[in-house]
Amino acid sequence: MQDAPGRYDGGSPLFSIIIPLEYHRGQWEQSWLGWTSQTADKSLYEIILVVPPAFRAREELMALAGNEARLEFTDSEHDIGLCAFGATKARGSHLFFTESHCWPEPDVIEQCIRAIEVHPDWAGFSCHSVPICHNRLSKAEAAMYQADIEFGMKQHPWRKVLDQCFVTRRDVYWECGGLREELGHFAEWVLAAAYHARGHTIGYLQEARFHHYYVGEIGELKTFTLDFVEGEIRYLGEARRDPGNELLEVPVEWVEWAAFDRSLARAALGALVHYSFAGRGWRRPGEKLHAFWHWGSLVLFGDLLARLSARLEALRARVGLSALTLVGSSEAIARWMRRYIASLIHLQRLECIRSIRDRAGPASRFLGDHVLGQAGFHALESSAGHIFRWSEPQAAVRIQGSAGRNVVRIQSPALRAPLRAIGAHFYLDGVRVDGAAIAIAADSYTLDLDLPPSGIAILAWSCPVLTGVGDSRRLGLAVASIEVSQDTAVSLQPEPGEGKAELSPVR
């Protein structure tokens, strides 16, 4: 009997086959026949059928399964939740996760036994997915997802958990946190990242073949992508620091909108206005008009225009894809399939971010623990040994410190020019920060600021536009982090001959 996750007695089977009966796409009987046709000795594995409340063919299932499987009933209605529940009931030393619209070839168990013997360093492995298609849309769907699967299995350093056919040591599965139902299918990526971060190897067993049925319905595509995106945004909103968290790429939508609000846009617009009146940084009138429109529309409408634009693009792509399934070529269907999925993911990310921001506000502190919100930043990137985010020429952050005097240090790699030559102006709650309160080092700005009694203020800046080669973005400062502290060990003194300021020790 199982007495704790990851522990089992000597009479347990080698494998616990966990089959969730949600999303079976009418293929659950075919899946069952695949498992009961295995050439390996049946004492080596147990089959656990996890049954959701909405499963309608319970009597047929019980008659078909007989004594050859254990039926576990749960209130969960999601594949990932059913798998997670099945894992708690498993007795095998290895868990074998699959889906009820997948069926194995007869030698799969034998291939897996051989892999465990040959690869003792593998904590888990995914098997080979063979697509089953029945209409033109399902062929395009399979081509798109199979390319992603192939990339994950053969090229990506860690994204190797495929819930169609994933085998893992049970103790390692629990060590790495298991599958989390609330994350939907994004839970596969989180689990894979956790394995990699803890030093566990996940292999790819191409000899063990599974047939995967692609349904080929646009509505199903939309449901699946929404499930994945909701899990992704929910995970980012948790701001967890579990092993593997740093491996998961943060989408650009999260960077731009997670902690956005109109007051930050208003601060950036104010910085733009002040900077313009100072006559700085404008080589072409079009740049100024673009910047005013960009920040002005955000002040007036927030993320509404971005969401409307994303919705229109997703609608256009869906209409185009629907039409092509009737009259288009296979190449055109595949191309518009990718376009539809990309536009759908973009829209769903914006909607999910808006939803959690309205409820509680996500903990999106990717510039530092003292930055509560930001506007005007691009995605994380690396160059010349630095990891940073480009800001736009105008940007704003809501910082949190202590009431009174604080030191704000903006780590900024000098990638575009020496920081002193850029000519950035800083503004605290709409008031320009005096140059004597700014120390400019080789890779940082240090500002000596007085924060209000709440300890919370908005720091904005404006600087000339940088346009990179082959880069359509409008860039400002490269920002690695922003630190806020009541630093009493340093003071700001003017630099001789320049009237600027730099840090010098207090003696």
Protein backbone atom coordinates (compact mmCIF):
# COMPACT_ATOMS: atom_id res chain seq x y z
CA MET A 1 0.00 0.00 0.00
CA GLN A 2 1.11 3.54 -0.69
CA ASP A 3 1.79 5.47 2.50
CA ALA A 4 3.31 8.68 1.08
CA PRO A 5 4.03 10.17 -2.34
CA GLY A 6 7.20 8.61 -3.72
CA ARG A 7 7.14 5.56 -1.40
CA TYR A 8 5.86 2.13 -2.33
CA ASP A 9 6.15 -1.45 -1.06
CA GLY A 10 8.12 -4.28 -2.65
CA GLY A 11 5.05 -5.83 -4.29
CA SER A 12 4.18 -2.77 -6.34
CA PRO A 13 4.21 -2.86 -10.14
CA LEU A 14 6.94 -1.18 -12.14
CA PHE A 15 4.54 1.16 -13.96
CA SER A 16 1.32 2.90 -13.03
CA ILE A 17 -0.43 3.82 -16.28
CA ILE A 18 -2.55 6.91 -15.56
CA ILE A 19 -5.26 7.60 -18.15
CA PRO A 20 -7.49 10.66 -17.61
CA LEU A 21 -10.86 10.19 -19.33
CA GLU A 22 -11.49 13.86 -20.12
CA TYR A 23 -10.97 15.14 -23.70
CA HIS A 24 -11.08 11.57 -25.01
CA ARG A 25 -12.44 12.79 -28.40
CA GLY A 26 -14.36 9.53 -28.77
CA GLN A 27 -11.15 7.51 -28.69
CA TRP A 28 -11.12 6.10 -25.18
CA GLU A 29 -12.03 2.56 -26.30
CA GLN A 30 -9.18 2.59 -28.83
CA SER A 31 -6.85 3.79 -26.08
CA TRP A 32 -8.00 0.99 -23.79
CA LEU A 33 -7.42 -1.66 -26.46
CA GLY A 34 -3.88 -0.34 -26.98
CA TRP A 35 -3.08 -0.84 -23.32
CA THR A 36 -4.67 -4.28 -23.02
CA SER A 37 -2.71 -5.45 -26.08
CA GLN A 38 0.73 -4.90 -24.55
CA THR A 39 3.23 -7.73 -25.05
CA ALA A 40 4.83 -7.18 -21.62
CA ASP A 41 3.76 -9.23 -18.63
CA LYS A 42 0.69 -7.64 -17.06
CA SER A 43 2.16 -7.96 -13.57
CA LEU A 44 4.63 -5.23 -14.49
CA TYR A 45 2.02 -2.50 -14.74
CA GLU A 46 -1.29 -1.33 -13.38
CA ILE A 47 -3.82 0.75 -15.30
CA ILE A 48 -5.56 3.59 -13.48
CA LEU A 49 -8.54 5.10 -15.28
CA VAL A 50 -9.34 8.47 -13.71
CA VAL A 51 -12.98 9.34 -14.31
CA PRO A 52 -14.32 12.93 -14.28
CA PRO A 53 -17.90 13.74 -13.23
CA ALA A 54 -19.03 14.45 -16.81
CA PHE A 55 -17.93 11.11 -18.25
CA ARG A 56 -21.14 9.62 -19.64
CA ALA A 57 -20.17 6.06 -20.57
CA ARG A 58 -19.49 4.83 -17.05
CA GLU A 59 -21.36 1.55 -17.39
CA GLU A 60 -19.64 0.73 -20.66
CA LEU A 61 -16.30 1.66 -19.13
CA MET A 62 -16.79 -0.57 -16.09
CA ALA A 63 -17.87 -3.48 -18.26
CA LEU A 64 -14.91 -3.03 -20.61
CA ALA A 65 -12.32 -2.54 -17.88
CA GLY A 66 -13.49 -5.38 -15.68
CA ASN A 67 -10.69 -6.42 -13.35
CA GLU A 68 -7.93 -5.21 -15.67
CA ALA A 69 -7.93 -1.62 -14.40
CA ARG A 70 -8.62 0.47 -11.33
CA LEU A 71 -11.24 3.17 -11.69
CA GLU A 72 -10.67 6.30 -9.65
CA PHE A 73 -13.43 8.89 -9.47
CA THR A 74 -12.77 12.56 -8.75
CA ASP A 75 -14.47 15.92 -9.03
CA SER A 76 -11.74 17.29 -11.26
CA GLU A 77 -12.74 18.06 -14.85
CA HIS A 78 -9.33 18.78 -16.38
CA ASP A 79 -6.81 16.35 -17.83
CA ILE A 80 -4.01 17.73 -15.69
CA GLY A 81 -6.09 17.53 -12.53
CA LEU A 82 -7.09 13.97 -13.34
CA CYS A 83 -3.46 13.00 -13.92
CA ALA A 84 -2.41 14.66 -10.67
CA PHE A 85 -5.14 12.79 -8.80
CA GLY A 86 -4.18 9.50 -10.43
CA ALA A 87 -0.59 9.99 -9.32
CA THR A 88 -1.70 10.08 -5.68
CA LYS A 89 -3.32 6.65 -6.18
CA ALA A 90 -0.41 5.05 -8.04
CA ARG A 91 1.64 2.19 -6.59
CA GLY A 92 4.29 1.83 -9.29
CA SER A 93 7.86 3.01 -8.99
CA HIS A 94 7.31 4.77 -12.33
CA LEU A 95 4.33 6.90 -13.33
CA PHE A 96 3.19 6.70 -16.93
CA PHE A 97 1.03 9.68 -17.93
CA THR A 98 -0.95 9.58 -21.14
CA GLU A 99 -4.21 10.86 -22.65
CA SER A 100 -7.38 9.00 -23.52
CA HIS A 101 -7.25 10.08 -27.18
CA CYS A 102 -3.80 8.42 -27.49
CA TRP A 103 -3.06 4.73 -27.85
CA PRO A 104 0.27 2.87 -27.61
CA GLU A 105 1.76 0.34 -29.96
CA PRO A 106 1.92 -3.18 -28.43
CA ASP A 107 5.60 -3.03 -27.49
CA VAL A 108 5.56 0.29 -25.62
CA ILE A 109 5.91 -1.21 -22.14
CA GLU A 110 8.78 -3.44 -23.30
CA GLN A 111 10.51 -0.44 -24.89
CA CYS A 112 10.14 1.52 -21.65
CA ILE A 113 11.56 -1.30 -19.54
CA ARG A 114 14.56 -1.47 -21.86
CA ALA A 115 15.02 2.32 -21.65
CA ILE A 116 15.06 2.25 -17.84
CA GLU A 117 17.78 -0.43 -17.94
CA VAL A 118 19.88 1.31 -20.62
CA HIS A 119 19.48 4.87 -19.29
CA PRO A 120 19.67 4.75 -15.48
CA ASP A 121 20.51 8.49 -15.57
CA TRP A 122 17.05 9.33 -16.94
CA ALA A 123 14.63 10.49 -14.25
CA GLY A 124 11.94 10.39 -16.90
CA PHE A 125 11.38 10.31 -20.63
CA SER A 126 8.76 11.14 -23.23
CA CYS A 127 7.80 8.77 -26.03
CA HIS A 128 7.34 9.33 -29.76
CA SER A 129 4.03 10.91 -30.84
CA VAL A 130 2.55 9.75 -34.16
CA PRO A 131 -0.29 12.01 -35.44
CA ILE A 132 -3.65 10.59 -36.51
CA CYS A 133 -5.52 13.04 -38.78
CA HIS A 134 -8.94 12.83 -40.38
CA ASN A 135 -9.56 16.21 -42.04
CA ARG A 136 -7.58 19.08 -43.57
CA LEU A 137 -7.63 21.15 -40.39
CA SER A 138 -6.40 18.26 -38.27
CA LYS A 139 -3.47 17.81 -40.67
CA ALA A 140 -2.50 21.47 -40.26
CA GLU A 141 -3.00 21.21 -36.50
CA ALA A 142 -0.81 18.12 -36.32
CA ALA A 143 1.93 19.70 -38.45
CA MET A 144 2.04 22.74 -36.18
CA TYR A 145 2.09 20.85 -32.89
CA GLN A 146 4.37 18.08 -34.12
CA ALA A 147 6.97 20.66 -35.12
CA ASP A 148 6.78 22.08 -31.60
CA ILE A 149 7.04 18.60 -30.07
CA GLU A 150 10.05 17.72 -32.23
CA PHE A 151 11.76 20.95 -31.20
CA GLY A 152 11.11 20.28 -27.53
CA MET A 153 12.24 16.67 -27.62
CA LYS A 154 15.35 17.07 -29.80
CA GLN A 155 16.60 20.67 -29.45
CA HIS A 156 15.20 22.49 -26.43
CA PRO A 157 17.39 22.07 -23.35
CA TRP A 158 14.58 21.21 -20.92
CA ARG A 159 11.05 21.37 -22.38
CA LYS A 160 10.66 17.62 -22.66
CA VAL A 161 7.54 16.70 -20.67
CA LEU A 162 4.88 15.53 -23.14
CA ASP A 163 1.69 14.50 -21.39
CA GLN A 164 0.63 12.34 -24.34
CA CYS A 165 3.21 9.81 -23.22
CA PHE A 166 5.47 10.76 -20.29
CA VAL A 167 7.19 8.27 -17.98
CA THR A 168 8.86 9.38 -14.75
CA ARG A 169 10.27 7.98 -11.55
CA ARG A 170 7.61 8.56 -8.96
CA ASP A 171 9.95 9.89 -6.28
CA VAL A 172 11.38 12.51 -8.66
CA TYR A 173 7.88 13.52 -9.76
CA TRP A 174 6.91 14.35 -6.19
CA GLU A 175 10.28 15.96 -5.45
CA CYS A 176 9.67 18.38 -8.34
CA GLY A 177 6.18 19.35 -7.19
CA GLY A 178 4.06 17.22 -9.51
CA LEU A 179 1.43 18.46 -11.93
CA ARG A 180 -0.62 21.46 -10.76
CA GLU A 181 -4.21 21.38 -11.96
CA GLU A 182 -4.72 25.14 -11.64
CA LEU A 183 -2.03 25.73 -14.28
CA GLY A 184 -3.76 23.67 -16.97
CA HIS A 185 -1.44 22.37 -19.67
CA PHE A 186 1.14 25.02 -18.76
CA ALA A 187 1.82 22.68 -15.82
CA GLU A 188 3.83 20.49 -18.22
CA TRP A 189 6.32 23.31 -18.82
CA VAL A 190 6.52 24.14 -15.11
CA LEU A 191 7.22 20.50 -14.25
CA ALA A 192 9.83 20.17 -17.01
CA ALA A 193 11.60 23.31 -15.79
CA ALA A 194 11.60 21.97 -12.22
CA TYR A 195 13.22 18.69 -13.34
CA HIS A 196 15.93 20.58 -15.22
CA ALA A 197 16.60 23.04 -12.41
CA ARG A 198 17.05 20.18 -9.93
CA GLY A 199 19.52 18.42 -12.19
CA HIS A 200 17.22 15.61 -13.39
CA THR A 201 17.51 14.41 -16.99
CA ILE A 202 14.44 13.80 -19.15
CA GLY A 203 15.11 11.63 -22.19
CA TYR A 204 13.31 11.02 -25.45
CA LEU A 205 12.44 7.42 -26.31
CA GLN A 206 11.70 7.49 -30.02
CA GLU A 207 11.29 3.72 -30.20
CA ALA A 208 8.17 3.82 -27.98
CA ARG A 209 5.41 5.03 -30.31
CA PHE A 210 2.04 6.53 -29.41
CA HIS A 211 -0.75 7.44 -31.80
CA HIS A 212 -2.27 10.85 -31.04
CA TYR A 213 -5.68 11.78 -32.45
CA TYR A 214 -5.97 15.40 -33.64
CA VAL A 215 -9.56 16.57 -33.57
CA GLY A 216 -9.26 19.29 -36.24
CA GLU A 217 -11.83 21.75 -34.86
CA ILE A 218 -11.24 25.50 -34.54
CA GLY A 219 -13.23 25.71 -31.30
CA GLU A 220 -11.04 23.03 -29.73
CA LEU A 221 -7.92 24.96 -30.71
CA LYS A 222 -9.27 28.06 -29.01
CA THR A 223 -10.14 26.12 -25.85
CA PHE A 224 -6.70 24.53 -25.63
CA THR A 225 -4.76 27.76 -26.14
CA LEU A 226 -6.90 29.56 -23.55
CA ASP A 227 -6.25 26.76 -21.07
CA PHE A 228 -2.50 27.06 -21.61
CA VAL A 229 -2.45 30.87 -21.47
CA GLU A 230 -4.60 31.03 -18.33
CA GLY A 231 -2.14 28.71 -16.60
CA GLU A 232 0.83 30.72 -17.84
CA ILE A 233 -0.54 34.05 -16.62
CA ARG A 234 -1.72 32.56 -13.33
CA TYR A 235 1.76 31.17 -12.72
CA LEU A 236 3.42 34.50 -13.50
CA GLY A 237 0.97 36.25 -11.19
CA GLU A 238 2.05 34.03 -8.31
CA ALA A 239 5.64 35.34 -8.60
CA ARG A 240 6.92 32.05 -7.18
CA ARG A 241 10.62 31.45 -6.83
CA ASP A 242 10.66 27.68 -7.08
CA PRO A 243 13.59 25.97 -8.81
CA GLY A 244 13.02 26.31 -12.55
CA ASN A 245 11.05 29.54 -12.32
CA GLU A 246 13.90 31.44 -13.96
CA LEU A 247 13.82 29.13 -17.00
CA LEU A 248 10.26 30.02 -18.02
CA GLU A 249 10.23 32.79 -20.58
CA VAL A 250 8.16 35.83 -19.64
CA PRO A 251 5.93 36.86 -22.57
CA VAL A 252 6.15 40.41 -23.86
CA GLU A 253 2.48 41.00 -23.00
CA TRP A 254 3.27 40.41 -19.33
CA VAL A 255 6.17 42.84 -19.42
CA GLU A 256 4.10 45.56 -21.07
CA TRP A 257 0.80 45.19 -19.25
CA ALA A 258 0.99 43.20 -16.01
CA ALA A 259 1.66 46.14 -13.72
CA PHE A 260 0.43 48.87 -16.04
CA ASP A 261 -1.96 51.60 -15.01
CA ARG A 262 -2.86 54.99 -16.43
CA SER A 263 -1.05 56.92 -13.73
CA LEU A 264 2.23 55.45 -14.96
CA ALA A 265 1.37 56.39 -18.54
CA ARG A 266 0.50 59.87 -17.31
CA ALA A 267 3.90 60.15 -15.64
CA ALA A 268 5.68 59.04 -18.82
CA LEU A 269 3.64 61.54 -20.83
CA GLY A 270 4.59 64.26 -18.34
CA ALA A 271 8.26 63.34 -18.73
CA LEU A 272 7.84 63.61 -22.50
CA VAL A 273 6.24 67.05 -22.23
CA HIS A 274 8.95 68.41 -19.91
CA TYR A 275 11.69 66.93 -22.06
CA SER A 276 10.17 68.45 -25.20
CA PHE A 277 9.99 71.90 -23.65
CA ALA A 278 13.65 71.51 -22.75
CA GLY A 279 14.29 71.08 -26.48
CA ARG A 280 16.08 67.77 -26.06
CA GLY A 281 16.32 64.59 -28.07
CA TRP A 282 14.12 65.22 -31.12
CA ARG A 283 15.76 64.83 -34.50
CA ARG A 284 12.55 64.28 -36.49
CA PRO A 285 9.10 65.78 -35.79
CA GLY A 286 7.49 62.41 -36.49
CA GLU A 287 9.21 60.90 -33.48
CA LYS A 288 7.61 63.45 -31.18
CA LEU A 289 4.14 62.94 -32.68
CA HIS A 290 4.46 59.18 -32.37
CA ALA A 291 5.50 59.45 -28.73
CA PHE A 292 2.67 61.86 -27.85
CA TRP A 293 0.10 59.61 -29.54
CA HIS A 294 1.50 56.50 -27.86
CA TRP A 295 1.43 57.84 -24.31
CA GLY A 296 -1.67 60.00 -24.80
CA SER A 297 -3.75 57.05 -25.99
CA LEU A 298 -2.57 54.98 -23.01
CA VAL A 299 -3.57 57.76 -20.62
CA LEU A 300 -7.03 57.98 -22.21
CA PHE A 301 -7.78 54.31 -22.93
CA GLY A 302 -5.34 52.15 -20.97
CA ASP A 303 -5.04 48.72 -22.58
CA LEU A 304 -8.42 48.96 -24.34
CA LEU A 305 -7.00 49.79 -27.77
CA ALA A 306 -4.44 47.00 -27.53
CA ARG A 307 -7.14 44.48 -26.63
CA LEU A 308 -9.47 45.67 -29.39
CA SER A 309 -6.69 45.45 -31.96
CA ALA A 310 -5.79 41.94 -30.77
CA ARG A 311 -9.44 40.86 -30.93
CA LEU A 312 -9.82 42.14 -34.48
CA GLU A 313 -6.66 40.36 -35.60
CA ALA A 314 -7.80 37.08 -34.00
CA LEU A 315 -11.21 37.41 -35.65
CA ARG A 316 -9.65 38.14 -39.02
CA ALA A 317 -7.34 35.13 -38.72
CA ARG A 318 -10.20 32.86 -37.71
CA VAL A 319 -12.37 33.95 -40.64
CA GLY A 320 -9.46 33.45 -43.01
CA LEU A 321 -8.68 30.00 -41.61
CA SER A 322 -12.33 28.93 -41.75
CA ALA A 323 -12.59 29.97 -45.39
CA LEU A 324 -9.37 28.21 -46.35
CA THR A 325 -10.51 24.91 -44.83
CA LEU A 326 -13.15 24.89 -47.56
CA VAL A 327 -11.26 26.16 -50.60
CA GLY A 328 -7.59 26.71 -49.68
CA SER A 329 -4.42 24.71 -50.25
CA SER A 330 -2.79 22.71 -47.49
CA GLU A 331 0.07 25.22 -47.37
CA ALA A 332 -2.33 28.15 -46.97
CA ILE A 333 -4.28 26.36 -44.22
CA ALA A 334 -1.05 25.63 -42.32
CA ARG A 335 0.10 29.25 -42.68
CA TRP A 336 -3.20 30.70 -41.44
CA MET A 337 -3.38 28.11 -38.68
CA ARG A 338 -0.13 29.45 -37.26
CA ARG A 339 -1.35 33.01 -37.71
CA TYR A 340 -4.62 32.25 -35.92
CA ILE A 341 -2.94 30.54 -32.98
CA ALA A 342 -0.40 33.37 -32.58
CA SER A 343 -3.12 36.05 -32.64
CA LEU A 344 -5.28 34.01 -30.27
CA ILE A 345 -2.47 33.60 -27.75
CA HIS A 346 -1.73 37.34 -27.90
CA LEU A 347 -5.40 38.21 -27.30
CA GLN A 348 -5.85 35.67 -24.53
CA ARG A 349 -2.74 36.87 -22.73
CA LEU A 350 -4.01 40.45 -22.75
CA GLU A 351 -7.43 39.38 -21.49
CA CYS A 352 -6.03 37.15 -18.76
CA ILE A 353 -3.59 39.83 -17.60
CA ARG A 354 -6.42 42.36 -17.47
CA SER A 355 -8.54 39.95 -15.45
CA ILE A 356 -6.00 39.25 -12.71
CA ARG A 357 -4.86 42.89 -12.64
CA ASP A 358 -8.43 43.99 -12.01
CA ARG A 359 -8.89 41.39 -9.25
CA ALA A 360 -5.76 41.80 -7.19
CA GLY A 361 -2.86 43.12 -9.22
CA PRO A 362 -0.10 40.67 -10.15
CA ALA A 363 3.24 40.63 -8.40
CA SER A 364 5.20 41.42 -11.57
CA ARG A 365 8.37 42.77 -9.99
CA PHE A 366 10.79 41.90 -12.75
CA LEU A 367 12.86 45.07 -12.25
CA GLY A 368 13.36 44.49 -8.52
CA ASP A 369 11.39 43.94 -5.35
CA HIS A 370 10.94 47.68 -4.83
CA VAL A 371 9.29 48.27 -8.22
CA LEU A 372 5.53 47.86 -7.88
CA GLY A 373 4.60 48.75 -11.43
CA GLN A 374 6.14 49.82 -14.70
CA ALA A 375 5.22 51.22 -18.10
CA GLY A 376 7.37 51.52 -21.19
CA PHE A 377 9.57 48.38 -21.11
CA HIS A 378 10.42 45.69 -23.61
CA ALA A 379 11.07 42.01 -22.99
CA LEU A 380 14.11 40.59 -21.21
CA GLU A 381 17.21 40.17 -23.37
CA SER A 382 20.96 39.77 -23.05
CA SER A 383 23.93 41.42 -24.71
CA ALA A 384 27.62 41.81 -23.95
CA GLY A 385 27.25 39.70 -20.82
CA HIS A 386 24.38 41.77 -19.42
CA ILE A 387 20.77 40.70 -18.80
CA PHE A 388 18.40 43.65 -19.00
CA ARG A 389 15.26 45.22 -20.47
CA TRP A 390 15.24 48.14 -22.85
CA SER A 391 12.92 50.91 -21.82
CA GLU A 392 11.21 53.10 -24.34
CA PRO A 393 12.55 56.68 -24.65
CA GLN A 394 9.99 57.50 -21.96
CA ALA A 395 9.24 55.10 -19.13
CA ALA A 396 7.83 55.18 -15.61
CA VAL A 397 8.09 52.95 -12.55
CA ARG A 398 6.25 53.00 -9.25
CA ILE A 399 8.86 52.55 -6.55
CA GLN A 400 8.47 51.68 -2.89
CA GLY A 401 10.92 52.74 -0.24
CA SER A 402 10.75 54.40 3.16
CA ALA A 403 9.38 57.80 3.98
CA GLY A 404 12.04 60.47 3.59
CA ARG A 405 15.49 60.24 2.08
CA ASN A 406 16.17 57.23 -0.16
CA VAL A 407 18.82 56.21 -2.65
CA VAL A 408 17.50 54.81 -5.94
CA ARG A 409 20.09 52.96 -8.02
CA ILE A 410 19.22 52.15 -11.64
CA GLN A 411 21.62 49.53 -12.99
CA SER A 412 21.97 50.44 -16.66
CA PRO A 413 24.60 48.81 -18.90
CA ALA A 414 26.04 51.47 -21.21
CA LEU A 415 25.14 49.66 -24.43
CA ARG A 416 24.14 52.62 -26.58
CA ALA A 417 26.64 55.23 -25.33
CA PRO A 418 28.31 56.30 -22.08
CA LEU A 419 25.47 57.07 -19.67
CA ARG A 420 26.69 60.60 -19.15
CA ALA A 421 26.38 61.29 -22.88
CA ILE A 422 22.80 60.03 -23.25
CA GLY A 423 21.25 63.05 -21.56
CA ALA A 424 18.41 61.35 -19.69
CA HIS A 425 16.15 63.52 -17.51
CA PHE A 426 14.48 62.00 -14.42
CA TYR A 427 11.22 63.08 -12.77
CA LEU A 428 9.83 62.14 -9.35
CA ASP A 429 6.04 62.52 -9.13
CA GLY A 430 6.18 64.96 -12.04
CA VAL A 431 9.02 67.13 -10.74
CA ARG A 432 12.39 66.98 -12.43
CA VAL A 433 15.18 65.55 -10.28
CA ASP A 434 17.99 68.08 -9.87
CA GLY A 435 21.24 67.10 -11.56
CA ALA A 436 23.10 67.54 -8.25
CA ALA A 437 21.04 64.63 -6.86
CA ILE A 438 22.11 62.24 -9.65
CA ALA A 439 25.36 60.29 -9.68
CA ILE A 440 26.28 58.78 -13.04
CA ALA A 441 28.72 55.88 -13.00
CA ALA A 442 29.86 53.65 -15.85
CA ASP A 443 26.82 51.38 -15.56
CA SER A 444 24.35 53.04 -13.20
CA TYR A 445 22.38 56.10 -12.26
CA THR A 446 22.12 56.76 -8.52
CA LEU A 447 19.45 59.23 -7.42
CA ASP A 448 19.18 60.82 -3.99
CA LEU A 449 15.42 61.27 -3.52
CA ASP A 450 12.89 62.28 -0.87
CA LEU A 451 9.90 59.95 -0.92
CA PRO A 452 6.49 60.95 0.51
CA PRO A 453 5.16 59.59 3.84
CA SER A 454 3.70 56.55 2.07
CA GLY A 455 7.14 55.66 0.74
CA ILE A 456 5.60 55.18 -2.72
CA ALA A 457 6.26 57.47 -5.69
CA ILE A 458 6.45 57.38 -9.48
CA LEU A 459 9.87 57.81 -11.06
CA ALA A 460 9.84 58.61 -14.78
CA TRP A 461 12.48 59.48 -17.33
CA SER A 462 12.88 60.70 -20.88
CA CYS A 463 15.87 60.46 -23.20
CA PRO A 464 16.65 60.55 -26.93
CA VAL A 465 15.33 57.78 -29.16
CA LEU A 466 17.68 54.96 -30.09
CA THR A 467 16.76 52.85 -33.12
CA GLY A 468 18.79 49.67 -33.44
CA VAL A 469 19.93 48.13 -36.70
CA GLY A 470 17.13 45.92 -37.97
CA ASP A 471 15.08 46.76 -34.86
CA SER A 472 11.80 48.63 -35.24
CA ARG A 473 11.51 49.35 -31.51
CA ARG A 474 12.00 52.81 -30.03
CA LEU A 475 14.61 52.32 -27.32
CA GLY A 476 15.66 54.40 -24.34
CA LEU A 477 17.71 53.06 -21.43
CA ALA A 478 18.93 49.52 -20.87
CA VAL A 479 17.74 48.65 -17.36
CA ALA A 480 19.01 45.59 -15.48
CA SER A 481 17.45 46.41 -12.09
CA ILE A 482 16.19 49.21 -9.87
CA GLU A 483 17.14 49.19 -6.19
CA VAL A 484 15.71 51.43 -3.47
CA SER A 485 17.29 51.79 -0.05
CA GLN A 486 17.83 54.18 2.82
CA ASP A 487 21.56 54.24 2.13
CA THR A 488 23.23 56.27 4.88
CA ALA A 489 26.72 55.03 4.05
CA VAL A 490 27.14 57.23 0.96
CA SER A 491 26.53 60.80 -0.03
CA LEU A 492 26.29 62.57 -3.36
CA GLN A 493 28.97 65.13 -4.17
CA PRO A 494 29.44 67.16 -7.35
CA GLU A 495 32.05 65.78 -9.72
CA PRO A 496 34.92 68.30 -10.12
CA GLY A 497 34.61 70.35 -13.26
CA GLU A 498 31.26 68.96 -14.42
CA GLY A 499 28.69 70.00 -11.84
CA LYS A 500 27.39 66.39 -11.81
CA ALA A 501 27.33 64.04 -8.88
CA GLU A 502 28.94 60.73 -7.96
CA LEU A 503 29.06 58.52 -4.90
CA SER A 504 31.75 59.14 -2.31
CA PRO A 505 32.17 57.48 1.09
CA VAL A 506 30.99 59.29 4.21
CA ARG A 507 33.85 59.51 6.66
